């Protein structure tokens, strides 16, 4: 009997040890900060010249550094602020994507700058010049954005109007932020290709990129997240936050997105009871909606802003 038990126990112990090691490696791969911006996906390499032209503009445009917790190196958050060409009461706060930084949003910064906005581009926790050992996939970042919003209000006229905008992880960050108690100065939100939850996104990528099942890897990664970041992956979702959202919101998503599947856009849209719009961009892959046709993207954003930002409608209306 003891021999039979040992025969079963040894392989199970080996499987458990292998799962623990794999989960630790996956957590570090996905959540640990990197001090560089990885290359974009192959399908967007064709936009490289246009992207770097926006980056050149970003580097030359007049801007200033803003901080949260400036004198606390372990918690210091950094942002770039680009004032409008002429004094403006409109400010957009832009949230970047996974392993990016404010500079990687240069194309959107220029678009909003040309639309007459002041532009604030934070580096999220674990990204760029901001502190942090780990990437929180938007959940902890939402608390930093509450402080960035307050700083915009404190530095500007009380009548400032604030737009929240994000792409990919940044889109999900703004969706998660939407469920918090936001100041009246926040008028609208635009979320481009955000995921419905961290758990759902990780599970999807486990299968697609690593050909691994959800169990036992995801629960183990979730436990590591709880220990290091303070939350289980299943406890935080964009959809739950969006149910509490009261601000008009435009969802944008590429039809051919295989990184954050387009079904998540429909989940996020369905969860929202505030005024809402959904634009599915044909033939666009992940975070490609702008690049396929920048003019059309700008037009869509402008039309949304005319309805819900420049001339806001009643909160109970819906599109």
C-alpha atoms as a PDB file:
ATOM      1  CA  UNK A   1       0.000   0.000   0.000  1.00  0.00           C
ATOM      2  CA  UNK A   2       2.777   2.383   0.898  1.00  0.00           C
ATOM      3  CA  UNK A   3       4.534   1.612  -2.366  1.00  0.00           C
ATOM      4  CA  UNK A   4       1.365   2.437  -4.351  1.00  0.00           C
ATOM      5  CA  UNK A   5       0.933   5.687  -2.449  1.00  0.00           C
ATOM      6  CA  UNK A   6       4.496   6.660  -3.198  1.00  0.00           C
ATOM      7  CA  UNK A   7       3.982   5.816  -6.865  1.00  0.00           C
ATOM      8  CA  UNK A   8       1.133   8.350  -7.028  1.00  0.00           C
ATOM      9  CA  UNK A   9       2.628  10.946  -4.693  1.00  0.00           C
ATOM     10  CA  UNK A  10       5.921  11.497  -6.493  1.00  0.00           C
ATOM     11  CA  UNK A  11       4.410  12.459  -9.878  1.00  0.00           C
ATOM     12  CA  UNK A  12       1.829  14.679  -8.156  1.00  0.00           C
ATOM     13  CA  UNK A  13       4.532  16.430  -6.167  1.00  0.00           C
ATOM     14  CA  UNK A  14       6.521  16.934  -9.353  1.00  0.00           C
ATOM     15  CA  UNK A  15       3.472  18.334 -11.133  1.00  0.00           C
ATOM     16  CA  UNK A  16       2.781  20.711  -8.247  1.00  0.00           C
ATOM     17  CA  UNK A  17       6.378  21.927  -8.186  1.00  0.00           C
ATOM     18  CA  UNK A  18       6.361  22.428 -11.957  1.00  0.00           C
ATOM     19  CA  UNK A  19       3.104  24.393 -11.762  1.00  0.00           C
ATOM     20  CA  UNK A  20       4.485  26.631  -9.012  1.00  0.00           C
ATOM     21  CA  UNK A  21       7.643  27.365 -10.978  1.00  0.00           C
ATOM     22  CA  UNK A  22       5.675  28.039 -14.165  1.00  0.00           C
ATOM     23  CA  UNK A  23       3.301  30.359 -12.318  1.00  0.00           C
ATOM     24  CA  UNK A  24       6.132  32.324 -10.759  1.00  0.00           C
ATOM     25  CA  UNK A  25       7.801  32.727 -14.143  1.00  0.00           C
ATOM     26  CA  UNK A  26       4.551  33.765 -15.773  1.00  0.00           C
ATOM     27  CA  UNK A  27       3.848  36.315 -13.056  1.00  0.00           C
ATOM     28  CA  UNK A  28       7.301  37.825 -13.454  1.00  0.00           C
ATOM     29  CA  UNK A  29       6.964  37.839 -17.246  1.00  0.00           C
ATOM     30  CA  UNK A  30       3.555  39.542 -17.182  1.00  0.00           C
ATOM     31  CA  UNK A  31       3.681  41.731 -14.077  1.00  0.00           C
ATOM     32  CA  UNK A  32       7.314  42.650 -13.447  1.00  0.00           C
ATOM     33  CA  UNK A  33       8.374  46.024 -14.823  1.00  0.00           C
ATOM     34  CA  UNK A  34      10.795  46.305 -17.722  1.00  0.00           C
ATOM     35  CA  UNK A  35      12.838  49.436 -18.248  1.00  0.00           C
ATOM     36  CA  UNK A  36      12.373  49.583 -21.994  1.00  0.00           C
ATOM     37  CA  UNK A  37       9.489  49.729 -24.466  1.00  0.00           C
ATOM     38  CA  UNK A  38       9.208  46.426 -26.373  1.00  0.00           C
ATOM     39  CA  UNK A  39       8.905  46.473 -30.164  1.00  0.00           C
ATOM     40  CA  UNK A  40       5.394  46.789 -31.507  1.00  0.00           C
ATOM     41  CA  UNK A  41       3.699  43.790 -33.100  1.00  0.00           C
ATOM     42  CA  UNK A  42       4.642  42.827 -36.649  1.00  0.00           C
ATOM     43  CA  UNK A  43       1.298  43.961 -38.084  1.00  0.00           C
ATOM     44  CA  UNK A  44       1.972  47.542 -36.966  1.00  0.00           C
ATOM     45  CA  UNK A  45       5.596  47.794 -38.094  1.00  0.00           C
ATOM     46  CA  UNK A  46       4.335  49.403 -41.306  1.00  0.00           C
ATOM     47  CA  UNK A  47       3.326  52.464 -39.279  1.00  0.00           C
ATOM     48  CA  UNK A  48       6.829  52.957 -37.831  1.00  0.00           C
ATOM     49  CA  UNK A  49       7.700  56.069 -39.870  1.00  0.00           C
ATOM     50  CA  UNK A  50       4.433  57.769 -38.927  1.00  0.00           C
ATOM     51  CA  UNK A  51       4.865  56.774 -35.273  1.00  0.00           C
ATOM     52  CA  UNK A  52       8.369  58.240 -35.026  1.00  0.00           C
ATOM     53  CA  UNK A  53       7.184  61.452 -36.666  1.00  0.00           C
ATOM     54  CA  UNK A  54       4.711  61.802 -33.789  1.00  0.00           C
ATOM     55  CA  UNK A  55       7.491  61.018 -31.297  1.00  0.00           C
ATOM     56  CA  UNK A  56       9.662  63.752 -32.848  1.00  0.00           C
ATOM     57  CA  UNK A  57       6.781  66.194 -32.409  1.00  0.00           C
ATOM     58  CA  UNK A  58       6.362  65.067 -28.802  1.00  0.00           C
ATOM     59  CA  UNK A  59      10.032  65.619 -28.030  1.00  0.00           C
ATOM     60  CA  UNK A  60       9.975  69.136 -29.489  1.00  0.00           C
ATOM     61  CA  UNK A  61       6.622  70.411 -28.202  1.00  0.00           C
ATOM     62  CA  UNK A  62       6.551  72.658 -25.145  1.00  0.00           C
ATOM     63  CA  UNK A  63       5.848  70.561 -22.052  1.00  0.00           C
ATOM     64  CA  UNK A  64       6.570  70.276 -18.351  1.00  0.00           C
ATOM     65  CA  UNK A  65       7.009  67.524 -15.746  1.00  0.00           C
ATOM     66  CA  UNK A  66       4.298  66.846 -13.208  1.00  0.00           C
ATOM     67  CA  UNK A  67       4.663  64.558 -10.207  1.00  0.00           C
ATOM     68  CA  UNK A  68       2.784  62.634  -7.585  1.00  0.00           C
ATOM     69  CA  UNK A  69       4.793  62.030  -4.374  1.00  0.00           C
ATOM     70  CA  UNK A  70       7.749  63.840  -5.918  1.00  0.00           C
ATOM     71  CA  UNK A  71      10.023  63.453  -2.901  1.00  0.00           C
ATOM     72  CA  UNK A  72       9.234  59.780  -2.250  1.00  0.00           C
ATOM     73  CA  UNK A  73      11.358  57.713  -4.690  1.00  0.00           C
ATOM     74  CA  UNK A  74       9.468  54.479  -3.965  1.00  0.00           C
ATOM     75  CA  UNK A  75       6.096  56.014  -4.847  1.00  0.00           C
ATOM     76  CA  UNK A  76       6.955  58.832  -7.244  1.00  0.00           C
ATOM     77  CA  UNK A  77       4.723  59.042 -10.305  1.00  0.00           C
ATOM     78  CA  UNK A  78       5.772  61.129 -13.313  1.00  0.00           C
ATOM     79  CA  UNK A  79       3.743  62.731 -16.117  1.00  0.00           C
ATOM     80  CA  UNK A  80       4.335  65.066 -19.036  1.00  0.00           C
ATOM     81  CA  UNK A  81       1.959  68.023 -19.381  1.00  0.00           C
ATOM     82  CA  UNK A  82       1.514  69.709 -22.756  1.00  0.00           C
ATOM     83  CA  UNK A  83      -0.390  73.002 -22.520  1.00  0.00           C
ATOM     84  CA  UNK A  84      -2.782  73.876 -25.317  1.00  0.00           C
ATOM     85  CA  UNK A  85      -1.556  76.213 -28.056  1.00  0.00           C
ATOM     86  CA  UNK A  86      -3.912  78.879 -26.705  1.00  0.00           C
ATOM     87  CA  UNK A  87      -5.344  78.909 -23.147  1.00  0.00           C
ATOM     88  CA  UNK A  88      -7.997  76.221 -22.864  1.00  0.00           C
ATOM     89  CA  UNK A  89     -10.453  74.933 -20.260  1.00  0.00           C
ATOM     90  CA  UNK A  90     -10.230  71.419 -21.767  1.00  0.00           C
ATOM     91  CA  UNK A  91      -7.745  68.804 -20.533  1.00  0.00           C
ATOM     92  CA  UNK A  92      -7.380  65.192 -21.627  1.00  0.00           C
ATOM     93  CA  UNK A  93      -5.627  62.675 -19.407  1.00  0.00           C
ATOM     94  CA  UNK A  94      -4.173  59.862 -21.536  1.00  0.00           C
ATOM     95  CA  UNK A  95      -3.406  56.381 -20.208  1.00  0.00           C
ATOM     96  CA  UNK A  96      -0.845  54.326 -22.146  1.00  0.00           C
ATOM     97  CA  UNK A  97      -0.736  50.632 -22.945  1.00  0.00           C
ATOM     98  CA  UNK A  98       1.057  47.642 -21.468  1.00  0.00           C
ATOM     99  CA  UNK A  99       4.814  48.206 -21.084  1.00  0.00           C
ATOM    100  CA  UNK A 100       4.511  51.581 -22.794  1.00  0.00           C
ATOM    101  CA  UNK A 101       4.808  55.099 -21.384  1.00  0.00           C
ATOM    102  CA  UNK A 102       3.471  58.570 -22.038  1.00  0.00           C
ATOM    103  CA  UNK A 103       5.703  59.064 -25.068  1.00  0.00           C
ATOM    104  CA  UNK A 104       4.177  56.024 -26.797  1.00  0.00           C
ATOM    105  CA  UNK A 105       0.885  57.954 -26.847  1.00  0.00           C
ATOM    106  CA  UNK A 106       2.455  60.789 -28.894  1.00  0.00           C
ATOM    107  CA  UNK A 107       0.027  60.333 -31.789  1.00  0.00           C
ATOM    108  CA  UNK A 108      -2.990  60.755 -29.514  1.00  0.00           C
ATOM    109  CA  UNK A 109      -1.316  63.632 -27.683  1.00  0.00           C
ATOM    110  CA  UNK A 110      -0.908  65.486 -30.973  1.00  0.00           C
ATOM    111  CA  UNK A 111      -4.496  64.744 -32.025  1.00  0.00           C
ATOM    112  CA  UNK A 112      -5.947  66.163 -28.813  1.00  0.00           C
ATOM    113  CA  UNK A 113      -3.477  69.044 -28.826  1.00  0.00           C
ATOM    114  CA  UNK A 114      -4.746  69.984 -32.291  1.00  0.00           C
ATOM    115  CA  UNK A 115      -8.309  69.748 -30.960  1.00  0.00           C
ATOM    116  CA  UNK A 116      -7.478  72.460 -28.419  1.00  0.00           C
ATOM    117  CA  UNK A 117      -6.832  70.316 -25.342  1.00  0.00           C
ATOM    118  CA  UNK A 118      -4.206  70.542 -22.672  1.00  0.00           C
ATOM    119  CA  UNK A 119      -2.705  67.037 -22.528  1.00  0.00           C
ATOM    120  CA  UNK A 120      -1.493  65.101 -19.473  1.00  0.00           C
ATOM    121  CA  UNK A 121       0.468  61.894 -20.145  1.00  0.00           C
ATOM    122  CA  UNK A 122       1.333  59.920 -16.992  1.00  0.00           C
ATOM    123  CA  UNK A 123       3.732  56.988 -16.838  1.00  0.00           C
ATOM    124  CA  UNK A 124       1.850  54.295 -14.929  1.00  0.00           C
ATOM    125  CA  UNK A 125       3.212  52.273 -12.019  1.00  0.00           C
ATOM    126  CA  UNK A 126       6.066  50.068 -13.149  1.00  0.00           C
ATOM    127  CA  UNK A 127       6.447  52.006 -16.404  1.00  0.00           C
ATOM    128  CA  UNK A 128       8.685  54.741 -17.781  1.00  0.00           C
ATOM    129  CA  UNK A 129       9.948  57.211 -15.206  1.00  0.00           C
ATOM    130  CA  UNK A 130       7.394  56.254 -12.553  1.00  0.00           C
ATOM    131  CA  UNK A 131       8.235  54.047  -9.574  1.00  0.00           C
ATOM    132  CA  UNK A 132       6.944  50.538  -9.015  1.00  0.00           C
ATOM    133  CA  UNK A 133       8.294  47.007  -9.249  1.00  0.00           C
ATOM    134  CA  UNK A 134       5.146  45.581 -10.792  1.00  0.00           C
ATOM    135  CA  UNK A 135       2.556  46.361 -13.451  1.00  0.00           C
ATOM    136  CA  UNK A 136      -0.934  46.411 -11.946  1.00  0.00           C
ATOM    137  CA  UNK A 137      -2.881  46.203 -15.231  1.00  0.00           C
ATOM    138  CA  UNK A 138      -4.935  49.276 -14.341  1.00  0.00           C
ATOM    139  CA  UNK A 139      -6.353  48.322 -10.976  1.00  0.00           C
ATOM    140  CA  UNK A 140      -3.919  50.194  -8.756  1.00  0.00           C
ATOM    141  CA  UNK A 141      -3.257  52.763 -11.474  1.00  0.00           C
ATOM    142  CA  UNK A 142      -6.853  53.939 -11.231  1.00  0.00           C
ATOM    143  CA  UNK A 143      -6.034  55.329  -7.768  1.00  0.00           C
ATOM    144  CA  UNK A 144      -3.116  57.308  -9.213  1.00  0.00           C
ATOM    145  CA  UNK A 145      -5.380  58.722 -11.908  1.00  0.00           C
ATOM    146  CA  UNK A 146      -7.740  60.017  -9.231  1.00  0.00           C
ATOM    147  CA  UNK A 147      -4.772  62.032  -7.961  1.00  0.00           C
ATOM    148  CA  UNK A 148      -3.820  63.182 -11.462  1.00  0.00           C
ATOM    149  CA  UNK A 149      -7.396  64.375 -11.967  1.00  0.00           C
ATOM    150  CA  UNK A 150      -7.263  66.335  -8.728  1.00  0.00           C
ATOM    151  CA  UNK A 151      -3.933  67.871  -9.692  1.00  0.00           C
ATOM    152  CA  UNK A 152      -5.406  69.055 -13.015  1.00  0.00           C
ATOM    153  CA  UNK A 153      -8.289  70.656 -11.098  1.00  0.00           C
ATOM    154  CA  UNK A 154      -5.990  72.242  -8.527  1.00  0.00           C
ATOM    155  CA  UNK A 155      -3.693  73.730 -11.174  1.00  0.00           C
ATOM    156  CA  UNK A 156      -6.470  74.950 -13.462  1.00  0.00           C
ATOM    157  CA  UNK A 157      -9.603  77.023 -13.292  1.00  0.00           C
ATOM    158  CA  UNK A 158     -12.411  75.375 -11.325  1.00  0.00           C
ATOM    159  CA  UNK A 159     -14.407  75.181 -14.558  1.00  0.00           C
ATOM    160  CA  UNK A 160     -11.891  72.904 -16.276  1.00  0.00           C
ATOM    161  CA  UNK A 161     -13.462  70.079 -18.293  1.00  0.00           C
ATOM    162  CA  UNK A 162     -11.606  66.763 -18.197  1.00  0.00           C
ATOM    163  CA  UNK A 163     -11.668  63.923 -20.731  1.00  0.00           C
ATOM    164  CA  UNK A 164     -10.274  60.499 -19.787  1.00  0.00           C
ATOM    165  CA  UNK A 165      -8.717  58.533 -22.640  1.00  0.00           C
ATOM    166  CA  UNK A 166      -6.787  55.265 -22.810  1.00  0.00           C
ATOM    167  CA  UNK A 167      -5.680  52.520 -25.184  1.00  0.00           C
ATOM    168  CA  UNK A 168      -5.330  48.779 -24.471  1.00  0.00           C
ATOM    169  CA  UNK A 169      -4.285  48.487 -20.805  1.00  0.00           C
ATOM    170  CA  UNK A 170      -4.890  52.246 -20.683  1.00  0.00           C
ATOM    171  CA  UNK A 171      -8.414  51.729 -21.986  1.00  0.00           C
ATOM    172  CA  UNK A 172      -9.074  49.157 -19.268  1.00  0.00           C
ATOM    173  CA  UNK A 173      -7.528  51.522 -16.712  1.00  0.00           C
ATOM    174  CA  UNK A 174     -10.012  54.234 -17.633  1.00  0.00           C
ATOM    175  CA  UNK A 175     -12.849  51.713 -17.539  1.00  0.00           C
ATOM    176  CA  UNK A 176     -11.785  50.658 -14.041  1.00  0.00           C
ATOM    177  CA  UNK A 177     -11.466  54.309 -13.044  1.00  0.00           C
ATOM    178  CA  UNK A 178     -14.990  54.997 -14.292  1.00  0.00           C
ATOM    179  CA  UNK A 179     -16.552  53.203 -11.321  1.00  0.00           C
ATOM    180  CA  UNK A 180     -14.921  55.466  -8.761  1.00  0.00           C
ATOM    181  CA  UNK A 181     -16.432  58.696  -7.432  1.00  0.00           C
ATOM    182  CA  UNK A 182     -15.181  61.178 -10.010  1.00  0.00           C
ATOM    183  CA  UNK A 183     -15.180  64.974  -9.677  1.00  0.00           C
ATOM    184  CA  UNK A 184     -17.808  66.869 -11.644  1.00  0.00           C
ATOM    185  CA  UNK A 185     -15.035  68.236 -13.875  1.00  0.00           C
ATOM    186  CA  UNK A 186     -14.664  64.800 -15.496  1.00  0.00           C
ATOM    187  CA  UNK A 187     -17.118  64.980 -18.381  1.00  0.00           C
ATOM    188  CA  UNK A 188     -16.512  61.911 -20.561  1.00  0.00           C
ATOM    189  CA  UNK A 189     -14.382  58.814 -21.207  1.00  0.00           C
ATOM    190  CA  UNK A 190     -12.976  57.174 -24.336  1.00  0.00           C
ATOM    191  CA  UNK A 191     -11.627  53.620 -23.997  1.00  0.00           C
ATOM    192  CA  UNK A 192      -9.859  52.037 -26.970  1.00  0.00           C
ATOM    193  CA  UNK A 193      -9.511  48.206 -26.932  1.00  0.00           C
ATOM    194  CA  UNK A 194      -9.668  47.722 -23.157  1.00  0.00           C
ATOM    195  CA  UNK A 195     -10.159  44.247 -21.656  1.00  0.00           C
ATOM    196  CA  UNK A 196     -13.128  43.204 -19.536  1.00  0.00           C
ATOM    197  CA  UNK A 197     -11.030  41.863 -16.655  1.00  0.00           C
ATOM    198  CA  UNK A 198      -7.430  41.027 -15.836  1.00  0.00           C
ATOM    199  CA  UNK A 199      -8.341  37.397 -15.147  1.00  0.00           C
ATOM    200  CA  UNK A 200     -10.164  36.983 -18.463  1.00  0.00           C
ATOM    201  CA  UNK A 201      -7.311  38.596 -20.389  1.00  0.00           C
ATOM    202  CA  UNK A 202      -4.645  36.462 -18.696  1.00  0.00           C
ATOM    203  CA  UNK A 203      -6.670  33.279 -19.233  1.00  0.00           C
ATOM    204  CA  UNK A 204      -7.174  34.141 -22.895  1.00  0.00           C
ATOM    205  CA  UNK A 205      -3.462  34.803 -23.454  1.00  0.00           C
ATOM    206  CA  UNK A 206      -2.473  31.649 -21.545  1.00  0.00           C
ATOM    207  CA  UNK A 207      -4.354  29.624 -24.131  1.00  0.00           C
ATOM    208  CA  UNK A 208      -3.516  31.669 -27.229  1.00  0.00           C
ATOM    209  CA  UNK A 209       0.170  32.458 -26.657  1.00  0.00           C
ATOM    210  CA  UNK A 210       1.351  29.696 -24.331  1.00  0.00           C
ATOM    211  CA  UNK A 211      -1.160  26.897 -25.088  1.00  0.00           C
ATOM    212  CA  UNK A 212      -1.758  26.441 -21.374  1.00  0.00           C
ATOM    213  CA  UNK A 213      -5.055  25.780 -19.576  1.00  0.00           C
ATOM    214  CA  UNK A 214      -6.492  28.133 -16.984  1.00  0.00           C
ATOM    215  CA  UNK A 215      -6.012  25.592 -14.193  1.00  0.00           C
ATOM    216  CA  UNK A 216      -3.823  25.377 -12.234  1.00  0.00           C
ATOM    217  CA  UNK A 217      -1.764  28.293 -13.592  1.00  0.00           C
ATOM    218  CA  UNK A 218      -4.204  31.213 -13.286  1.00  0.00           C
ATOM    219  CA  UNK A 219      -5.198  30.546  -9.633  1.00  0.00           C
ATOM    220  CA  UNK A 220      -1.530  30.316  -8.691  1.00  0.00           C
ATOM    221  CA  UNK A 221      -0.685  33.549 -10.518  1.00  0.00           C
ATOM    222  CA  UNK A 222      -3.699  35.140  -8.826  1.00  0.00           C
ATOM    223  CA  UNK A 223      -2.380  34.074  -5.428  1.00  0.00           C
ATOM    224  CA  UNK A 224       1.010  35.611  -6.212  1.00  0.00           C
ATOM    225  CA  UNK A 225      -0.802  38.806  -7.262  1.00  0.00           C
ATOM    226  CA  UNK A 226      -2.674  38.901  -3.971  1.00  0.00           C
ATOM    227  CA  UNK A 227       0.560  38.559  -2.028  1.00  0.00           C
ATOM    228  CA  UNK A 228       2.526  41.162  -4.009  1.00  0.00           C
ATOM    229  CA  UNK A 229      -0.112  43.591  -5.305  1.00  0.00           C
ATOM    230  CA  UNK A 230      -2.934  43.138  -2.815  1.00  0.00           C
ATOM    231  CA  UNK A 231      -5.675  41.704  -5.034  1.00  0.00           C
ATOM    232  CA  UNK A 232      -6.778  38.418  -6.567  1.00  0.00           C
ATOM    233  CA  UNK A 233      -7.170  38.681 -10.320  1.00  0.00           C
ATOM    234  CA  UNK A 234     -10.789  37.558 -10.207  1.00  0.00           C
ATOM    235  CA  UNK A 235     -11.745  40.237  -7.710  1.00  0.00           C
ATOM    236  CA  UNK A 236     -11.287  43.177 -10.093  1.00  0.00           C
ATOM    237  CA  UNK A 237     -13.038  43.726 -13.412  1.00  0.00           C
ATOM    238  CA  UNK A 238     -13.656  46.571 -15.793  1.00  0.00           C
ATOM    239  CA  UNK A 239     -17.239  45.359 -16.222  1.00  0.00           C
ATOM    240  CA  UNK A 240     -18.061  45.683 -12.521  1.00  0.00           C
ATOM    241  CA  UNK A 241     -16.617  49.191 -12.489  1.00  0.00           C
ATOM    242  CA  UNK A 242     -18.493  50.155 -15.642  1.00  0.00           C
ATOM    243  CA  UNK A 243     -21.781  49.167 -14.001  1.00  0.00           C
ATOM    244  CA  UNK A 244     -21.184  52.066 -11.590  1.00  0.00           C
ATOM    245  CA  UNK A 245     -20.019  54.510 -14.245  1.00  0.00           C
ATOM    246  CA  UNK A 246     -22.059  57.708 -14.701  1.00  0.00           C
ATOM    247  CA  UNK A 247     -20.001  59.374 -17.434  1.00  0.00           C
ATOM    248  CA  UNK A 248     -20.673  59.169 -21.184  1.00  0.00           C
ATOM    249  CA  UNK A 249     -18.242  56.699 -22.698  1.00  0.00           C
ATOM    250  CA  UNK A 250     -17.087  55.762 -26.192  1.00  0.00           C
ATOM    251  CA  UNK A 251     -15.743  52.252 -26.668  1.00  0.00           C
ATOM    252  CA  UNK A 252     -13.429  51.680 -29.655  1.00  0.00           C
ATOM    253  CA  UNK A 253     -12.195  48.232 -30.653  1.00  0.00           C
ATOM    254  CA  UNK A 254     -10.557  46.611 -33.652  1.00  0.00           C
ATOM    255  CA  UNK A 255     -12.660  43.949 -35.350  1.00  0.00           C
ATOM    256  CA  UNK A 256      -9.593  41.718 -35.895  1.00  0.00           C
ATOM    257  CA  UNK A 257      -8.095  42.144 -32.411  1.00  0.00           C
ATOM    258  CA  UNK A 258      -6.558  38.841 -31.308  1.00  0.00           C
ATOM    259  CA  UNK A 259      -4.760  40.266 -28.263  1.00  0.00           C
ATOM    260  CA  UNK A 260      -7.832  41.677 -26.512  1.00  0.00           C
ATOM    261  CA  UNK A 261     -10.686  39.882 -28.291  1.00  0.00           C
ATOM    262  CA  UNK A 262     -13.451  42.096 -29.629  1.00  0.00           C
ATOM    263  CA  UNK A 263     -16.004  40.219 -27.532  1.00  0.00           C
ATOM    264  CA  UNK A 264     -14.648  42.059 -24.501  1.00  0.00           C
ATOM    265  CA  UNK A 265     -15.764  45.364 -26.055  1.00  0.00           C
ATOM    266  CA  UNK A 266     -19.304  44.032 -26.239  1.00  0.00           C
ATOM    267  CA  UNK A 267     -19.086  42.870 -22.601  1.00  0.00           C
ATOM    268  CA  UNK A 268     -17.904  46.299 -21.478  1.00  0.00           C
ATOM    269  CA  UNK A 269     -20.577  48.049 -23.539  1.00  0.00           C
ATOM    270  CA  UNK A 270     -23.327  45.803 -22.148  1.00  0.00           C
ATOM    271  CA  UNK A 271     -22.183  46.435 -18.574  1.00  0.00           C
ATOM    272  CA  UNK A 272     -22.488  50.213 -18.986  1.00  0.00           C
ATOM    273  CA  UNK A 273     -25.721  52.011 -18.086  1.00  0.00           C
ATOM    274  CA  UNK A 274     -24.452  55.542 -18.701  1.00  0.00           C
ATOM    275  CA  UNK A 275     -24.683  57.184 -22.154  1.00  0.00           C
ATOM    276  CA  UNK A 276     -22.509  55.067 -24.415  1.00  0.00           C
ATOM    277  CA  UNK A 277     -21.284  54.489 -27.939  1.00  0.00           C
ATOM    278  CA  UNK A 278     -19.485  51.523 -29.482  1.00  0.00           C
ATOM    279  CA  UNK A 279     -17.328  51.757 -32.605  1.00  0.00           C
ATOM    280  CA  UNK A 280     -15.963  48.476 -33.970  1.00  0.00           C
ATOM    281  CA  UNK A 281     -13.266  49.305 -36.527  1.00  0.00           C
ATOM    282  CA  UNK A 282     -13.292  46.947 -39.484  1.00  0.00           C
ATOM    283  CA  UNK A 283     -10.045  45.106 -40.294  1.00  0.00           C
ATOM    284  CA  UNK A 284      -8.213  46.677 -37.331  1.00  0.00           C
ATOM    285  CA  UNK A 285      -5.997  44.549 -35.108  1.00  0.00           C
ATOM    286  CA  UNK A 286      -5.109  45.371 -31.516  1.00  0.00           C
ATOM    287  CA  UNK A 287      -4.588  49.112 -30.963  1.00  0.00           C
ATOM    288  CA  UNK A 288      -4.582  49.649 -34.735  1.00  0.00           C
ATOM    289  CA  UNK A 289      -7.839  51.610 -35.029  1.00  0.00           C
ATOM    290  CA  UNK A 290      -6.070  54.990 -35.101  1.00  0.00           C
ATOM    291  CA  UNK A 291      -3.353  53.906 -37.511  1.00  0.00           C
ATOM    292  CA  UNK A 292      -5.666  52.463 -40.168  1.00  0.00           C
ATOM    293  CA  UNK A 293      -7.225  55.867 -40.745  1.00  0.00           C
ATOM    294  CA  UNK A 294      -6.183  58.714 -38.408  1.00  0.00           C
ATOM    295  CA  UNK A 295      -8.627  61.172 -39.984  1.00  0.00           C
ATOM    296  CA  UNK A 296     -11.575  58.851 -39.509  1.00  0.00           C
ATOM    297  CA  UNK A 297     -10.478  58.175 -35.927  1.00  0.00           C
ATOM    298  CA  UNK A 298     -10.305  61.885 -35.200  1.00  0.00           C
ATOM    299  CA  UNK A 299     -13.729  62.428 -36.777  1.00  0.00           C
ATOM    300  CA  UNK A 300     -15.293  59.719 -34.624  1.00  0.00           C
ATOM    301  CA  UNK A 301     -13.747  61.178 -31.479  1.00  0.00           C
ATOM    302  CA  UNK A 302     -14.795  64.699 -32.455  1.00  0.00           C
ATOM    303  CA  UNK A 303     -18.412  63.665 -33.033  1.00  0.00           C
ATOM    304  CA  UNK A 304     -18.535  61.980 -29.626  1.00  0.00           C
ATOM    305  CA  UNK A 305     -17.041  65.062 -27.976  1.00  0.00           C
ATOM    306  CA  UNK A 306     -19.564  67.359 -29.654  1.00  0.00           C
ATOM    307  CA  UNK A 307     -22.404  65.349 -28.129  1.00  0.00           C
ATOM    308  CA  UNK A 308     -21.071  64.467 -24.684  1.00  0.00           C
ATOM    309  CA  UNK A 309     -18.195  66.828 -23.882  1.00  0.00           C
ATOM    310  CA  UNK A 310     -18.671  70.174 -25.585  1.00  0.00           C
ATOM    311  CA  UNK A 311     -22.470  70.091 -25.294  1.00  0.00           C
ATOM    312  CA  UNK A 312     -23.239  67.359 -22.752  1.00  0.00           C
ATOM    313  CA  UNK A 313     -26.649  65.690 -22.901  1.00  0.00           C
ATOM    314  CA  UNK A 314     -28.701  64.452 -19.971  1.00  0.00           C
ATOM    315  CA  UNK A 315     -27.089  61.602 -18.029  1.00  0.00           C
ATOM    316  CA  UNK A 316     -29.954  59.210 -18.608  1.00  0.00           C
ATOM    317  CA  UNK A 317     -29.710  59.343 -22.413  1.00  0.00           C
ATOM    318  CA  UNK A 318     -28.109  56.497 -24.321  1.00  0.00           C
ATOM    319  CA  UNK A 319     -26.843  55.816 -27.818  1.00  0.00           C
END
